[in-house]
Amino acid sequence: MNVHSPEDVYPMVEQLVVSLRRDGASRLAAILDHRMHAVAWSSACELLEELRAALSGPHTESQLMSPRTADELTRVIAGIESLLAGTSRLG
């Protein structure tokens, strides 16, 4: 999936949350769900930075996840990194 805007990342994160829950990685799933739905962000860039921090944190290595979910996580991080590299496009 090509990532051109934060709106492209949102469904990827939602799917990752479902996959993490399925794999039993409920802590990371809860963190991502909270960041997406329970916090008011002042900008899309701020949300993306927080998602990147959550996905790159030390707790991600301790979470059990299938190879497919690990691949999803890698794609989400790559999409976020791509957007953050062009932060002038974000609001």
N, C-alpha and C. Protein backbone atom coordinates (compact mmCIF):
# COMPACT_ATOMS: atom_id res chain seq x y z
N MET A 1 0.84 -1.18 0.00
CA MET A 1 0.00 0.00 0.00
C MET A 1 0.88 1.24 0.00
N ASN A 2 0.58 2.17 -0.88
CA ASN A 2 1.30 3.43 -0.91
C ASN A 2 0.72 4.36 0.15
N VAL A 3 1.61 5.06 0.83
CA VAL A 3 1.20 5.97 1.88
C VAL A 3 1.49 7.39 1.42
N HIS A 4 0.42 8.16 1.23
CA HIS A 4 0.56 9.53 0.75
C HIS A 4 0.11 10.56 1.77
N SER A 5 -0.68 10.11 2.75
CA SER A 5 -1.19 11.03 3.76
C SER A 5 -1.45 10.26 5.06
N PRO A 6 -1.61 10.98 6.16
CA PRO A 6 -1.92 10.29 7.43
C PRO A 6 -3.18 9.42 7.32
N GLU A 7 -4.12 9.83 6.49
CA GLU A 7 -5.35 9.05 6.33
C GLU A 7 -5.06 7.66 5.77
N ASP A 8 -3.94 7.52 5.05
CA ASP A 8 -3.55 6.20 4.54
C ASP A 8 -3.02 5.31 5.66
N VAL A 9 -2.47 5.92 6.70
CA VAL A 9 -1.89 5.16 7.81
C VAL A 9 -2.96 4.64 8.76
N TYR A 10 -4.02 5.41 8.94
CA TYR A 10 -5.04 5.05 9.94
C TYR A 10 -5.59 3.64 9.76
N PRO A 11 -6.03 3.24 8.55
CA PRO A 11 -6.54 1.87 8.42
C PRO A 11 -5.45 0.81 8.61
N MET A 12 -4.22 1.17 8.28
CA MET A 12 -3.11 0.22 8.50
C MET A 12 -2.93 -0.02 10.00
N VAL A 13 -3.01 1.04 10.79
CA VAL A 13 -2.86 0.90 12.24
C VAL A 13 -4.05 0.14 12.81
N GLU A 14 -5.24 0.43 12.32
CA GLU A 14 -6.44 -0.29 12.79
C GLU A 14 -6.30 -1.79 12.53
N GLN A 15 -5.83 -2.16 11.35
CA GLN A 15 -5.64 -3.57 11.03
C GLN A 15 -4.54 -4.18 11.90
N LEU A 16 -3.50 -3.42 12.16
CA LEU A 16 -2.42 -3.90 13.02
C LEU A 16 -2.95 -4.17 14.43
N VAL A 17 -3.81 -3.31 14.93
CA VAL A 17 -4.40 -3.50 16.26
C VAL A 17 -5.17 -4.82 16.29
N VAL A 18 -5.96 -5.08 15.25
CA VAL A 18 -6.72 -6.34 15.17
C VAL A 18 -5.76 -7.52 15.17
N SER A 19 -4.71 -7.44 14.37
CA SER A 19 -3.75 -8.54 14.28
C SER A 19 -3.02 -8.75 15.60
N LEU A 20 -2.63 -7.67 16.25
CA LEU A 20 -1.94 -7.79 17.54
C LEU A 20 -2.84 -8.45 18.58
N ARG A 21 -4.09 -8.05 18.61
CA ARG A 21 -5.04 -8.68 19.55
C ARG A 21 -5.19 -10.16 19.26
N ARG A 22 -5.28 -10.50 17.99
CA ARG A 22 -5.41 -11.91 17.59
C ARG A 22 -4.21 -12.72 18.06
N ASP A 23 -3.04 -12.11 17.98
CA ASP A 23 -1.81 -12.80 18.37
C ASP A 23 -1.56 -12.79 19.88
N GLY A 24 -2.40 -12.06 20.62
CA GLY A 24 -2.22 -11.99 22.06
C GLY A 24 -1.31 -10.88 22.53
N ALA A 25 -0.94 -9.97 21.63
CA ALA A 25 -0.10 -8.83 21.99
C ALA A 25 -1.00 -7.67 22.41
N SER A 26 -1.75 -7.93 23.47
CA SER A 26 -2.80 -6.98 23.86
C SER A 26 -2.26 -5.66 24.38
N ARG A 27 -1.09 -5.66 25.00
CA ARG A 27 -0.54 -4.40 25.52
C ARG A 27 -0.25 -3.41 24.40
N LEU A 28 0.46 -3.85 23.38
CA LEU A 28 0.76 -2.96 22.26
C LEU A 28 -0.52 -2.57 21.53
N ALA A 29 -1.44 -3.50 21.36
CA ALA A 29 -2.71 -3.20 20.72
C ALA A 29 -3.45 -2.11 21.49
N ALA A 30 -3.47 -2.21 22.81
CA ALA A 30 -4.15 -1.22 23.63
C ALA A 30 -3.48 0.15 23.54
N ILE A 31 -2.16 0.16 23.50
CA ILE A 31 -1.43 1.42 23.38
C ILE A 31 -1.78 2.11 22.06
N LEU A 32 -1.75 1.36 20.97
CA LEU A 32 -2.06 1.93 19.67
C LEU A 32 -3.51 2.41 19.60
N ASP A 33 -4.42 1.59 20.12
CA ASP A 33 -5.83 1.96 20.12
C ASP A 33 -6.05 3.25 20.92
N HIS A 34 -5.40 3.35 22.05
CA HIS A 34 -5.51 4.55 22.88
C HIS A 34 -5.00 5.77 22.12
N ARG A 35 -3.83 5.64 21.49
CA ARG A 35 -3.26 6.77 20.75
C ARG A 35 -4.18 7.20 19.61
N MET A 36 -4.82 6.24 18.96
CA MET A 36 -5.67 6.54 17.81
C MET A 36 -7.02 7.14 18.20
N HIS A 37 -7.57 6.69 19.35
CA HIS A 37 -8.97 7.03 19.63
C HIS A 37 -9.23 7.81 20.92
N ALA A 38 -8.29 7.84 21.83
CA ALA A 38 -8.58 8.46 23.12
C ALA A 38 -7.77 9.72 23.40
N VAL A 39 -6.90 10.08 22.50
CA VAL A 39 -6.05 11.25 22.71
C VAL A 39 -6.36 12.27 21.62
N ALA A 40 -6.46 13.52 22.01
CA ALA A 40 -6.66 14.60 21.05
C ALA A 40 -5.29 15.14 20.64
N TRP A 41 -4.99 15.06 19.37
CA TRP A 41 -3.70 15.51 18.86
C TRP A 41 -3.85 16.87 18.21
N SER A 42 -2.84 17.70 18.34
CA SER A 42 -2.89 19.03 17.73
C SER A 42 -2.56 18.98 16.24
N SER A 43 -1.92 17.90 15.79
CA SER A 43 -1.60 17.77 14.37
C SER A 43 -1.43 16.30 14.01
N ALA A 44 -1.55 16.03 12.74
CA ALA A 44 -1.32 14.67 12.26
C ALA A 44 0.12 14.26 12.50
N CYS A 45 1.02 15.21 12.38
CA CYS A 45 2.44 14.92 12.60
C CYS A 45 2.67 14.47 14.04
N GLU A 46 2.02 15.12 14.98
CA GLU A 46 2.16 14.74 16.38
C GLU A 46 1.67 13.30 16.61
N LEU A 47 0.53 12.95 16.03
CA LEU A 47 0.02 11.59 16.15
C LEU A 47 1.00 10.59 15.53
N LEU A 48 1.49 10.89 14.34
CA LEU A 48 2.42 9.98 13.69
C LEU A 48 3.69 9.78 14.51
N GLU A 49 4.19 10.85 15.11
CA GLU A 49 5.37 10.73 15.96
C GLU A 49 5.09 9.84 17.17
N GLU A 50 3.92 9.98 17.75
CA GLU A 50 3.55 9.14 18.90
C GLU A 50 3.35 7.69 18.49
N LEU A 51 2.76 7.46 17.33
CA LEU A 51 2.60 6.08 16.85
C LEU A 51 3.97 5.46 16.58
N ARG A 52 4.86 6.23 15.96
CA ARG A 52 6.21 5.72 15.70
C ARG A 52 6.91 5.36 17.00
N ALA A 53 6.78 6.22 18.01
CA ALA A 53 7.41 5.94 19.31
C ALA A 53 6.82 4.67 19.93
N ALA A 54 5.51 4.50 19.84
CA ALA A 54 4.88 3.31 20.41
C ALA A 54 5.32 2.05 19.67
N LEU A 55 5.43 2.14 18.36
CA LEU A 55 5.80 0.97 17.56
C LEU A 55 7.28 0.66 17.62
N SER A 56 8.07 1.61 18.01
CA SER A 56 9.52 1.41 18.07
C SER A 56 10.02 1.23 19.49
N GLY A 57 9.10 1.27 20.45
CA GLY A 57 9.48 1.17 21.86
C GLY A 57 9.99 -0.21 22.23
N PRO A 58 10.63 -0.29 23.39
CA PRO A 58 11.22 -1.56 23.82
C PRO A 58 10.18 -2.67 24.03
N HIS A 59 8.94 -2.30 24.32
CA HIS A 59 7.92 -3.32 24.56
C HIS A 59 7.51 -4.06 23.29
N THR A 60 7.83 -3.53 22.11
CA THR A 60 7.43 -4.23 20.89
C THR A 60 8.19 -5.54 20.73
N GLU A 61 9.45 -5.58 21.19
CA GLU A 61 10.21 -6.83 21.07
C GLU A 61 9.68 -7.91 22.01
N SER A 62 9.10 -7.50 23.13
CA SER A 62 8.63 -8.49 24.09
C SER A 62 7.23 -9.01 23.76
N GLN A 63 6.58 -8.41 22.78
CA GLN A 63 5.24 -8.84 22.41
C GLN A 63 5.32 -10.04 21.47
N LEU A 64 4.50 -11.02 21.73
CA LEU A 64 4.42 -12.16 20.83
C LEU A 64 3.59 -11.75 19.63
N MET A 65 4.10 -12.04 18.44
CA MET A 65 3.31 -11.77 17.25
C MET A 65 3.75 -12.71 16.14
N SER A 66 2.81 -13.00 15.29
CA SER A 66 3.08 -13.88 14.16
C SER A 66 3.98 -13.16 13.16
N PRO A 67 4.62 -13.91 12.27
CA PRO A 67 5.42 -13.27 11.22
C PRO A 67 4.60 -12.30 10.36
N ARG A 68 3.36 -12.66 10.11
CA ARG A 68 2.48 -11.78 9.32
C ARG A 68 2.24 -10.45 10.05
N THR A 69 1.98 -10.53 11.34
CA THR A 69 1.77 -9.31 12.12
C THR A 69 3.05 -8.50 12.20
N ALA A 70 4.18 -9.17 12.36
CA ALA A 70 5.47 -8.47 12.38
C ALA A 70 5.70 -7.74 11.06
N ASP A 71 5.30 -8.35 9.94
CA ASP A 71 5.41 -7.69 8.64
C ASP A 71 4.49 -6.47 8.57
N GLU A 72 3.27 -6.61 9.10
CA GLU A 72 2.35 -5.47 9.15
C GLU A 72 2.97 -4.32 9.94
N LEU A 73 3.53 -4.65 11.09
CA LEU A 73 4.16 -3.64 11.93
C LEU A 73 5.28 -2.93 11.16
N THR A 74 6.08 -3.68 10.44
CA THR A 74 7.16 -3.10 9.65
C THR A 74 6.60 -2.16 8.58
N ARG A 75 5.52 -2.56 7.91
CA ARG A 75 4.90 -1.70 6.89
C ARG A 75 4.34 -0.43 7.48
N VAL A 76 3.71 -0.53 8.65
CA VAL A 76 3.16 0.66 9.30
C VAL A 76 4.28 1.63 9.67
N ILE A 77 5.34 1.11 10.25
CA ILE A 77 6.47 1.97 10.61
C ILE A 77 7.05 2.63 9.37
N ALA A 78 7.21 1.87 8.29
CA ALA A 78 7.75 2.43 7.05
C ALA A 78 6.85 3.54 6.51
N GLY A 79 5.55 3.33 6.57
CA GLY A 79 4.60 4.36 6.12
C GLY A 79 4.69 5.62 6.95
N ILE A 80 4.78 5.44 8.26
CA ILE A 80 4.90 6.58 9.16
C ILE A 80 6.21 7.32 8.89
N GLU A 81 7.30 6.58 8.75
CA GLU A 81 8.60 7.20 8.48
C GLU A 81 8.56 7.99 7.18
N SER A 82 7.92 7.43 6.17
CA SER A 82 7.80 8.11 4.88
C SER A 82 7.07 9.44 5.03
N LEU A 83 5.98 9.43 5.76
CA LEU A 83 5.23 10.67 5.97
C LEU A 83 6.01 11.69 6.79
N LEU A 84 6.65 11.21 7.83
CA LEU A 84 7.40 12.14 8.68
C LEU A 84 8.60 12.73 7.95
N ALA A 85 9.12 12.01 6.98
CA ALA A 85 10.23 12.54 6.19
C ALA A 85 9.77 13.74 5.35
N GLY A 86 8.50 13.79 5.05
CA GLY A 86 7.95 14.92 4.29
C GLY A 86 6.97 15.72 5.12
N THR A 87 7.38 16.08 6.32
CA THR A 87 6.46 16.72 7.27
C THR A 87 5.87 18.03 6.78
N SER A 88 6.43 18.64 5.78
CA SER A 88 5.85 19.88 5.28
C SER A 88 4.45 19.65 4.69
N ARG A 89 4.14 18.39 4.32
CA ARG A 89 2.83 18.07 3.77
C ARG A 89 1.78 17.88 4.86
N LEU A 90 2.20 17.71 6.10
CA LEU A 90 1.28 17.36 7.17
C LEU A 90 0.79 18.60 7.89
N GLY A 91 -0.44 18.47 8.42
CA GLY A 91 -1.00 19.57 9.16
C GLY A 91 -1.14 19.28 10.61
